[in-house]
Amino acid sequence: MCRFLSYLGAPIVMDQLLYQPQNSLIHQSYKAQEREEPLNGDGFGVGWYNHCINPEPAVFTSVRPAWNNGNLKSIAPKIESECIFAHVRAASRGNVTRNNCHPFAYEELLFMHNGDIGGFPQIKRKLRDRLSDRVYNWLQGETDSEHFFSLLLDNLDRKSKTPQTIMAAVEQSIADILELAGENGGQGPVLLNVAITNGRFMVATKYVSDPGETPNTLYHSEGSRYECQEGVCHMVQKGDPAQHAVLVVSEKLTDIEQDWHEVPLNHFVAVGEELDVTLVPIQT
C-alpha cells in the first residue's frame, strides 16, 4: 500500500530525506518496516517547488524501482526546496505506468495517497460521471488515488486554497465516496492516508471508514530543522527561530522516538504557512 513522505519548512536538500536517513524512503522502497509486504517497487515519484521561478511544482516520476534509479540518485543531492513530496508505489489499483505514479500535480497542487478505496471498480464509472469537464479531461491514470484527487479538485471548485478549504473538500470527497459505495454495491473499507500541498501549506490525513480495520501508519515531526550529519539524521529542536521544519511520513525515518508523533486515527494534520501544526478530527 505504498509509502510516502512530505516535507515543509526551511530549504532542505532532497538527498537528506530520500537517501540519508536510517529508514529513508529509498530504504522503504525495498524494505519497508511497518507494512506486511516490505516491497514498494512499482515506480516512484518526487515533487518539489521553487517559488522564485514558478508557483507550480516540478514532478519526476518513473516506473523503475526507486532503489535502482540512477537519475534520482544523481539529482537528489543537487535539489534544494522548501517543500518536497515523495512516494514509492506498491501497485494495487491500476497498471505499472508513469500515469499511475504519485504525486499527482494539478496547477499549484500536489497530491499523493497511501491506502485503498474498497469497491473502487464498482464506483469508478459513477465517480467519473460526477467530474466536471475541466477535471475529467485532466485525469490520465487508472488509480483510485487519482480519481479521489479529481473528486477533491471539483469539491474545491476553484475556491481560494487554504488548509481549511482543503480539509472541507477532503471531507466532502470522503462523503461522496461512501455515498457512491452505498448506491453501487462498493464493498470494502476506505483507507485514505493522503497528503496535499501548494508548496506553502500542507494537509495530510489518516482515515479508515471501518473502525475495525487496521489503519496505515502515519507520523509527524517538527522542529527548527531536519538535518543529517556524519550519517545521523534527526529533527533539531533548538536553533534559529527563523527556521522551522515539519515532516509527515508513512514510516519513521529514524529510530529516534522523540522525533516522531503518531497521527491519531481519522484526523487531519494541518500545517499552515507559518508552519504551525494542528491535529483536526475528520468530520464524516
Foldseek 3Di string as FASTA:
>chain_A
DKWKKKKAWDKDQQCLQAPQFPCHSLVQCCANDFDPHSHQAQKKKKWFDDVVVFLAIDMDIDRGGPNPDPVCVVCRRPDIGRIMMMIGHDDDWFDSDRLPHDFDTDRLKTKDWDWAQFQCVQQVVVLLVPADPVLNVVRDTGGPRSSLVRQLVVQLVPPPDFLVSSLVSNLVSVVVSVVSCVVRVGDDKTFTFMKMDSNQKIKTAGEIPDPVDDTQWKKKFKAQDWDADPSHIAHHHDDDPVTMMMMMISDDSHPPVVRIDTQDYQWMWIQHNSRDTDIGHRDD
